[in-house]
Structure formats: structure tokens, C-alpha cells
């Protein structure tokens, strides 16, 4: 496995997702940062970049200098782009002991939440019954 430092565009998507989910749900590490509203995006991005840098440093046994991150909102509509960016970042942070950190766990939780948002909007999900009664003709058709 190789690891690299993600681009600012990828980080913008991840941070935008983190902020929106934290606003919606109001819990987790990212939500705690939202109390510092004007700098929340920069702080979340800086923490995630530090995790990314640490994972890459552990992978290649060398340090890499980081540059300050300034968040640029990446929009709140395209959840599939959020999901892919989060997957990319999480994969790049999966080195050394980075996956054992609370921040990595928060990133993994964010990935699951965004996936559930995407699935909830799928027509097949909306049409599926909540409780699959065996007497329902759709139950047999799903097999």
C-alpha cells in the first residue's frame, strides 16, 4: 500500500461533509470544533491533515513538512463526492498507529454517515418495506 498527502480539494470536500454532518447531528469531535464557527473549517482540516501527515510519515519513516490549510467550502449537495473524498483520505491515513486514534474513528464514522445519507436517497431504498413481512409479495421477489 502506498500513502500520500491528499490535495486541498479533497480536504475541502471532507471538511465540508464534516461540518454539515456535525451541524445536523451535533455530536462528535467535529461538532465540538463548530463552537469556534469562524475557524471551524480550518481547524478540522488542520487536524485531518496532521493525521494524514503522521500516517505518511510512519509509512515512509520520514517526516514531511505541512503547509497551513485554509478551508474553501466545497458545497453541501454532492454527497457522493464527499464519500469518495472521505474514502480517499481515510485510506491515506491507514498507516502506522493512525487508525487507532479517535480522529481516525471519527473519520470512519463520518464515512458511514455519508454512505447512509446516500443510500437513504436511493429509489430502491425508499421503495423497500421497513419490515419484510413474508406475506408481502415483494418479499419473495427480493430473493
Protein backbone atom coordinates (compact mmCIF):
# COMPACT_ATOMS: atom_id res chain seq x y z
CA UNK A 1 0.00 0.00 0.00
CA UNK A 2 1.23 3.47 -0.76
CA UNK A 3 0.18 6.61 1.05
CA UNK A 4 0.21 10.25 0.07
CA UNK A 5 -0.92 13.64 1.33
CA UNK A 6 -4.34 14.41 -0.12
CA UNK A 7 -4.97 17.56 -2.13
CA UNK A 8 -6.61 20.65 -0.69
CA UNK A 9 -9.63 19.99 -2.94
CA UNK A 10 -10.13 16.56 -1.38
CA UNK A 11 -9.72 18.03 2.09
CA UNK A 12 -12.25 20.77 1.28
CA UNK A 13 -14.83 18.08 0.44
CA UNK A 14 -14.10 16.12 3.62
CA UNK A 15 -14.26 19.21 5.82
CA UNK A 16 -17.48 20.39 4.14
CA UNK A 17 -19.02 16.98 4.88
CA UNK A 18 -17.75 17.02 8.46
CA UNK A 19 -19.21 20.45 9.11
CA UNK A 20 -22.60 19.64 7.58
CA UNK A 21 -22.90 16.33 9.44
CA UNK A 22 -21.79 17.94 12.71
CA UNK A 23 -24.38 20.69 12.23
CA UNK A 24 -27.09 18.11 11.51
CA UNK A 25 -26.21 15.67 14.28
CA UNK A 26 -24.50 17.87 16.86
CA UNK A 27 -22.13 15.25 18.25
CA UNK A 28 -18.56 14.03 17.83
CA UNK A 29 -15.19 15.73 17.66
CA UNK A 30 -16.12 17.79 14.63
CA UNK A 31 -19.22 19.19 16.36
CA UNK A 32 -17.09 20.31 19.31
CA UNK A 33 -14.97 22.38 16.94
CA UNK A 34 -18.06 24.09 15.47
CA UNK A 35 -18.32 26.25 18.58
CA UNK A 36 -15.44 28.21 17.05
CA UNK A 37 -17.56 28.88 13.97
CA UNK A 38 -15.33 31.29 12.04
CA UNK A 39 -12.35 28.97 12.06
CA UNK A 40 -14.03 25.55 12.29
CA UNK A 41 -13.19 24.51 8.71
CA UNK A 42 -9.55 25.46 9.08
CA UNK A 43 -9.28 23.64 12.43
CA UNK A 44 -10.95 20.44 11.23
CA UNK A 45 -8.79 20.43 8.09
CA UNK A 46 -5.63 21.06 10.09
CA UNK A 47 -6.40 18.13 12.41
CA UNK A 48 -7.13 15.83 9.48
CA UNK A 49 -4.01 16.95 7.61
CA UNK A 50 -1.95 16.29 10.74
CA UNK A 51 -3.36 12.75 10.82
CA UNK A 52 -2.61 12.33 7.10
CA UNK A 53 0.95 13.61 7.56
CA UNK A 54 1.51 11.32 10.55
CA UNK A 55 0.32 8.25 8.62
CA UNK A 56 2.53 9.07 5.63
CA UNK A 57 5.50 9.75 7.92
CA UNK A 58 5.01 6.37 9.59
CA UNK A 59 4.61 4.61 6.25
CA UNK A 60 7.80 6.02 4.79
CA UNK A 61 9.69 6.53 8.05
CA UNK A 62 10.26 10.18 7.30
CA UNK A 63 8.67 13.49 8.12
CA UNK A 64 7.07 15.70 5.54
CA UNK A 65 6.53 19.37 6.14
CA UNK A 66 2.98 20.59 6.08
CA UNK A 67 1.64 23.88 4.88
CA UNK A 68 -1.17 25.76 6.60
CA UNK A 69 -4.62 24.77 5.42
CA UNK A 70 -7.38 27.26 4.64
CA UNK A 71 -10.75 25.64 4.09
CA UNK A 72 -12.70 26.55 0.97
CA UNK A 73 -16.34 25.38 1.23
CA UNK A 74 -16.96 22.65 -1.32
CA UNK A 75 -20.74 22.71 -1.23
CA UNK A 76 -23.26 20.57 0.52
CA UNK A 77 -25.14 18.93 -2.34
CA UNK A 78 -22.95 16.20 -3.83
CA UNK A 79 -22.74 13.55 -1.14
CA UNK A 80 -21.15 11.02 -3.48
CA UNK A 81 -18.16 13.34 -3.94
CA UNK A 82 -17.97 13.74 -0.15
CA UNK A 83 -17.99 9.98 0.25
CA UNK A 84 -15.24 9.38 -2.27
CA UNK A 85 -13.07 12.14 -0.77
CA UNK A 86 -13.56 10.71 2.73
CA UNK A 87 -12.65 7.24 1.47
CA UNK A 88 -9.51 8.64 -0.16
CA UNK A 89 -8.42 10.46 2.99
CA UNK A 90 -9.20 7.52 5.27
CA UNK A 91 -7.19 5.19 3.03
CA UNK A 92 -4.23 7.59 3.05
CA UNK A 93 -4.41 7.73 6.86
CA UNK A 94 -4.45 3.94 7.32
CA UNK A 95 -0.75 3.61 8.14
CA UNK A 96 1.12 3.07 11.39
CA UNK A 97 -0.91 3.77 14.50
CA UNK A 98 -3.06 6.47 12.86
CA UNK A 99 -6.05 4.07 12.55
CA UNK A 100 -6.01 3.64 16.33
CA UNK A 101 -6.66 7.33 17.01
CA UNK A 102 -10.02 8.86 17.96
CA UNK A 103 -9.75 11.19 14.96
CA UNK A 104 -9.46 8.24 12.57
CA UNK A 105 -12.51 6.68 14.26
CA UNK A 106 -14.38 9.96 13.72
CA UNK A 107 -13.36 9.95 10.05
CA UNK A 108 -14.60 6.36 9.71
CA UNK A 109 -17.89 7.31 11.39
CA UNK A 110 -18.24 10.26 9.01
CA UNK A 111 -17.77 7.88 6.07
CA UNK A 112 -20.57 5.61 7.35
CA UNK A 113 -22.92 8.53 7.98
CA UNK A 114 -22.41 9.95 4.48
CA UNK A 115 -22.94 6.47 2.99
CA UNK A 116 -26.22 6.18 4.87
CA UNK A 117 -27.31 9.61 3.56
CA UNK A 118 -26.61 8.42 0.00
CA UNK A 119 -28.44 5.12 0.49
CA UNK A 120 -31.44 6.84 2.09
CA UNK A 121 -31.96 8.80 -1.14
CA UNK A 122 -31.91 5.79 -3.47
CA UNK A 123 -35.28 4.91 -5.01
CA UNK A 124 -34.78 1.22 -4.16
CA UNK A 125 -34.29 2.13 -0.50
CA UNK A 126 -37.34 4.37 -0.44
CA UNK A 127 -39.47 1.65 -2.04
CA UNK A 128 -38.25 -1.16 0.21
CA UNK A 129 -40.55 -2.05 3.10
CA UNK A 130 -39.30 -1.28 6.59
CA UNK A 131 -40.42 -4.65 7.92
CA UNK A 132 -40.19 -7.51 5.42
CA UNK A 133 -43.39 -9.42 6.04
CA UNK A 134 -43.19 -12.85 4.37
CA UNK A 135 -46.79 -12.48 3.24
CA UNK A 136 -45.92 -9.35 1.25
CA UNK A 137 -45.46 -10.29 -2.45
CA UNK A 138 -42.38 -8.04 -2.61
CA UNK A 139 -40.64 -10.28 -0.05
CA UNK A 140 -40.42 -13.26 -2.42
CA UNK A 141 -39.45 -11.03 -5.34
CA UNK A 142 -36.40 -9.81 -3.43
CA UNK A 143 -34.90 -13.30 -3.29
